[in-house]
C-alpha atoms as a PDB file:
ATOM      1  CA  UNK A   1      -9.600   9.688 -20.727  1.00  0.00           C
ATOM      2  CA  UNK A   2     -12.944   8.260 -21.668  1.00  0.00           C
ATOM      3  CA  UNK A   3     -13.805   7.939 -25.341  1.00  0.00           C
ATOM      4  CA  UNK A   4     -16.833  10.154 -24.626  1.00  0.00           C
ATOM      5  CA  UNK A   5     -14.535  13.148 -24.074  1.00  0.00           C
ATOM      6  CA  UNK A   6     -14.119  15.525 -27.003  1.00  0.00           C
ATOM      7  CA  UNK A   7     -10.866  15.032 -28.897  1.00  0.00           C
ATOM      8  CA  UNK A   8      -9.839  18.678 -28.547  1.00  0.00           C
ATOM      9  CA  UNK A   9      -9.790  18.296 -24.755  1.00  0.00           C
ATOM     10  CA  UNK A  10      -7.543  15.280 -25.074  1.00  0.00           C
ATOM     11  CA  UNK A  11      -5.199  17.070 -27.479  1.00  0.00           C
ATOM     12  CA  UNK A  12      -5.028  20.310 -25.499  1.00  0.00           C
ATOM     13  CA  UNK A  13      -4.489  18.513 -22.203  1.00  0.00           C
ATOM     14  CA  UNK A  14      -7.667  19.984 -20.689  1.00  0.00           C
ATOM     15  CA  UNK A  15     -10.088  17.792 -18.824  1.00  0.00           C
ATOM     16  CA  UNK A  16     -13.713  18.541 -18.058  1.00  0.00           C
ATOM     17  CA  UNK A  17     -15.585  17.411 -14.972  1.00  0.00           C
ATOM     18  CA  UNK A  18     -17.786  15.257 -17.223  1.00  0.00           C
ATOM     19  CA  UNK A  19     -14.768  13.440 -18.594  1.00  0.00           C
ATOM     20  CA  UNK A  20     -13.412  12.891 -15.110  1.00  0.00           C
ATOM     21  CA  UNK A  21     -16.722  11.666 -13.750  1.00  0.00           C
ATOM     22  CA  UNK A  22     -16.899   9.206 -16.641  1.00  0.00           C
ATOM     23  CA  UNK A  23     -13.465   7.818 -15.737  1.00  0.00           C
ATOM     24  CA  UNK A  24     -13.945   7.840 -11.949  1.00  0.00           C
ATOM     25  CA  UNK A  25     -15.417   4.294 -11.796  1.00  0.00           C
ATOM     26  CA  UNK A  26     -12.411   2.985 -13.720  1.00  0.00           C
ATOM     27  CA  UNK A  27      -9.993   4.808 -11.430  1.00  0.00           C
ATOM     28  CA  UNK A  28     -11.720   3.451  -8.321  1.00  0.00           C
ATOM     29  CA  UNK A  29     -11.767  -0.071  -9.752  1.00  0.00           C
ATOM     30  CA  UNK A  30      -8.064   0.148 -10.568  1.00  0.00           C
ATOM     31  CA  UNK A  31      -7.247   1.464  -7.068  1.00  0.00           C
ATOM     32  CA  UNK A  32      -9.240  -1.373  -5.510  1.00  0.00           C
ATOM     33  CA  UNK A  33      -7.438  -3.988  -7.604  1.00  0.00           C
ATOM     34  CA  UNK A  34      -4.041  -2.533  -6.698  1.00  0.00           C
ATOM     35  CA  UNK A  35      -4.931  -2.546  -2.987  1.00  0.00           C
ATOM     36  CA  UNK A  36      -6.308  -6.066  -3.234  1.00  0.00           C
ATOM     37  CA  UNK A  37      -3.128  -7.300  -4.899  1.00  0.00           C
ATOM     38  CA  UNK A  38      -0.931  -5.537  -2.355  1.00  0.00           C
ATOM     39  CA  UNK A  39      -2.836  -6.958   0.614  1.00  0.00           C
ATOM     40  CA  UNK A  40      -2.926 -10.454  -0.888  1.00  0.00           C
ATOM     41  CA  UNK A  41       0.802 -10.426  -1.629  1.00  0.00           C
ATOM     42  CA  UNK A  42       1.673  -9.100   1.822  1.00  0.00           C
ATOM     43  CA  UNK A  43      -0.471 -11.705   3.584  1.00  0.00           C
ATOM     44  CA  UNK A  44       0.918 -14.507   1.453  1.00  0.00           C
ATOM     45  CA  UNK A  45       4.485 -13.443   2.172  1.00  0.00           C
ATOM     46  CA  UNK A  46       3.800 -13.114   5.902  1.00  0.00           C
ATOM     47  CA  UNK A  47       2.170 -16.546   6.031  1.00  0.00           C
ATOM     48  CA  UNK A  48       5.092 -18.105   4.137  1.00  0.00           C
ATOM     49  CA  UNK A  49       7.502 -16.651   6.683  1.00  0.00           C
ATOM     50  CA  UNK A  50       5.273 -17.642   9.575  1.00  0.00           C
ATOM     51  CA  UNK A  51       4.581 -21.230   8.600  1.00  0.00           C
ATOM     52  CA  UNK A  52       7.779 -22.175   6.781  1.00  0.00           C
ATOM     53  CA  UNK A  53      10.375 -20.617   9.074  1.00  0.00           C
ATOM     54  CA  UNK A  54      13.331 -23.019   8.967  1.00  0.00           C
ATOM     55  CA  UNK A  55      14.352 -22.067  12.520  1.00  0.00           C
ATOM     56  CA  UNK A  56      11.116 -23.476  13.981  1.00  0.00           C
ATOM     57  CA  UNK A  57      11.335 -27.229  13.942  1.00  0.00           C
ATOM     58  CA  UNK A  58       8.877 -28.358  16.585  1.00  0.00           C
ATOM     59  CA  UNK A  59       5.375 -29.333  15.596  1.00  0.00           C
ATOM     60  CA  UNK A  60       4.003 -27.753  18.783  1.00  0.00           C
ATOM     61  CA  UNK A  61       5.420 -24.340  17.955  1.00  0.00           C
ATOM     62  CA  UNK A  62       4.024 -24.491  14.419  1.00  0.00           C
ATOM     63  CA  UNK A  63       0.634 -25.447  15.862  1.00  0.00           C
ATOM     64  CA  UNK A  64       0.770 -22.484  18.259  1.00  0.00           C
ATOM     65  CA  UNK A  65       1.528 -20.198  15.317  1.00  0.00           C
ATOM     66  CA  UNK A  66      -1.390 -21.607  13.346  1.00  0.00           C
ATOM     67  CA  UNK A  67      -3.708 -21.050  16.321  1.00  0.00           C
ATOM     68  CA  UNK A  68      -2.452 -17.472  16.674  1.00  0.00           C
ATOM     69  CA  UNK A  69      -3.168 -16.807  12.996  1.00  0.00           C
ATOM     70  CA  UNK A  70      -6.663 -18.249  13.415  1.00  0.00           C
ATOM     71  CA  UNK A  71      -7.332 -15.969  16.393  1.00  0.00           C
ATOM     72  CA  UNK A  72      -6.000 -12.957  14.494  1.00  0.00           C
ATOM     73  CA  UNK A  73      -8.104 -13.811  11.443  1.00  0.00           C
ATOM     74  CA  UNK A  74     -11.200 -14.179  13.599  1.00  0.00           C
ATOM     75  CA  UNK A  75     -10.612 -10.762  15.142  1.00  0.00           C
ATOM     76  CA  UNK A  76     -10.151  -9.144  11.713  1.00  0.00           C
ATOM     77  CA  UNK A  77     -13.352 -10.795  10.550  1.00  0.00           C
ATOM     78  CA  UNK A  78     -15.310  -9.583  13.587  1.00  0.00           C
ATOM     79  CA  UNK A  79     -14.027  -6.025  13.195  1.00  0.00           C
ATOM     80  CA  UNK A  80     -14.956  -6.158   9.508  1.00  0.00           C
ATOM     81  CA  UNK A  81     -18.488  -7.206  10.381  1.00  0.00           C
ATOM     82  CA  UNK A  82     -18.745  -4.434  12.956  1.00  0.00           C
ATOM     83  CA  UNK A  83     -17.447  -1.814  10.535  1.00  0.00           C
ATOM     84  CA  UNK A  84     -19.804  -3.020   7.809  1.00  0.00           C
ATOM     85  CA  UNK A  85     -22.670  -2.493  10.238  1.00  0.00           C
ATOM     86  CA  UNK A  86     -21.464   1.050  10.908  1.00  0.00           C
ATOM     87  CA  UNK A  87     -20.825   1.915   7.276  1.00  0.00           C
ATOM     88  CA  UNK A  88     -21.488   5.545   6.495  1.00  0.00           C
ATOM     89  CA  UNK A  89     -21.406   5.118   2.719  1.00  0.00           C
ATOM     90  CA  UNK A  90     -24.765   3.884   1.511  1.00  0.00           C
ATOM     91  CA  UNK A  91     -24.364   3.706  -2.249  1.00  0.00           C
ATOM     92  CA  UNK A  92     -22.068   3.839  -5.225  1.00  0.00           C
ATOM     93  CA  UNK A  93     -23.501   7.261  -6.054  1.00  0.00           C
ATOM     94  CA  UNK A  94     -22.461   8.541  -2.637  1.00  0.00           C
ATOM     95  CA  UNK A  95     -18.923   7.241  -3.213  1.00  0.00           C
ATOM     96  CA  UNK A  96     -18.851   9.012  -6.587  1.00  0.00           C
ATOM     97  CA  UNK A  97     -20.138  12.223  -5.006  1.00  0.00           C
ATOM     98  CA  UNK A  98     -17.447  12.089  -2.334  1.00  0.00           C
ATOM     99  CA  UNK A  99     -14.728  11.386  -4.888  1.00  0.00           C
ATOM    100  CA  UNK A 100     -15.937  14.198  -7.142  1.00  0.00           C
ATOM    101  CA  UNK A 101     -16.043  16.631  -4.213  1.00  0.00           C
ATOM    102  CA  UNK A 102     -12.515  15.654  -3.202  1.00  0.00           C
ATOM    103  CA  UNK A 103     -11.305  16.055  -6.779  1.00  0.00           C
ATOM    104  CA  UNK A 104     -12.986  19.446  -7.164  1.00  0.00           C
ATOM    105  CA  UNK A 105     -11.394  20.632  -3.905  1.00  0.00           C
ATOM    106  CA  UNK A 106      -7.973  19.470  -5.015  1.00  0.00           C
ATOM    107  CA  UNK A 107      -8.428  21.268  -8.347  1.00  0.00           C
ATOM    108  CA  UNK A 108      -9.351  24.467  -6.483  1.00  0.00           C
ATOM    109  CA  UNK A 109      -6.249  24.179  -4.349  1.00  0.00           C
ATOM    110  CA  UNK A 110      -4.120  23.480  -7.403  1.00  0.00           C
ATOM    111  CA  UNK A 111      -5.469  26.524  -9.229  1.00  0.00           C
ATOM    112  CA  UNK A 112      -4.934  28.728  -6.175  1.00  0.00           C
ATOM    113  CA  UNK A 113      -1.199  27.993  -6.243  1.00  0.00           C
END
């Protein structure tokens, strides 16, 4: 919890919307870093298996694999550009608003149970 939150809220286990909105950027940053690490590790592992497979000895087959990865990477890049052009989120504030709305809805559902 952010240091801006009153100590009694931290001790009692209660959390205000202000405290949560203060920590939301940190939570989003942490989630992004975890996703980034996961994607990077997965791609690295896949490329290791793809390019250093001991069962594939011919240079031609390795070259075909490299070309396939290049084509796949190009397609991912093009889709990324297209999606960036169609982005519906226009600002950091809009992301925060969406996250806060989702959190508030989940709190309502939790309190209803």
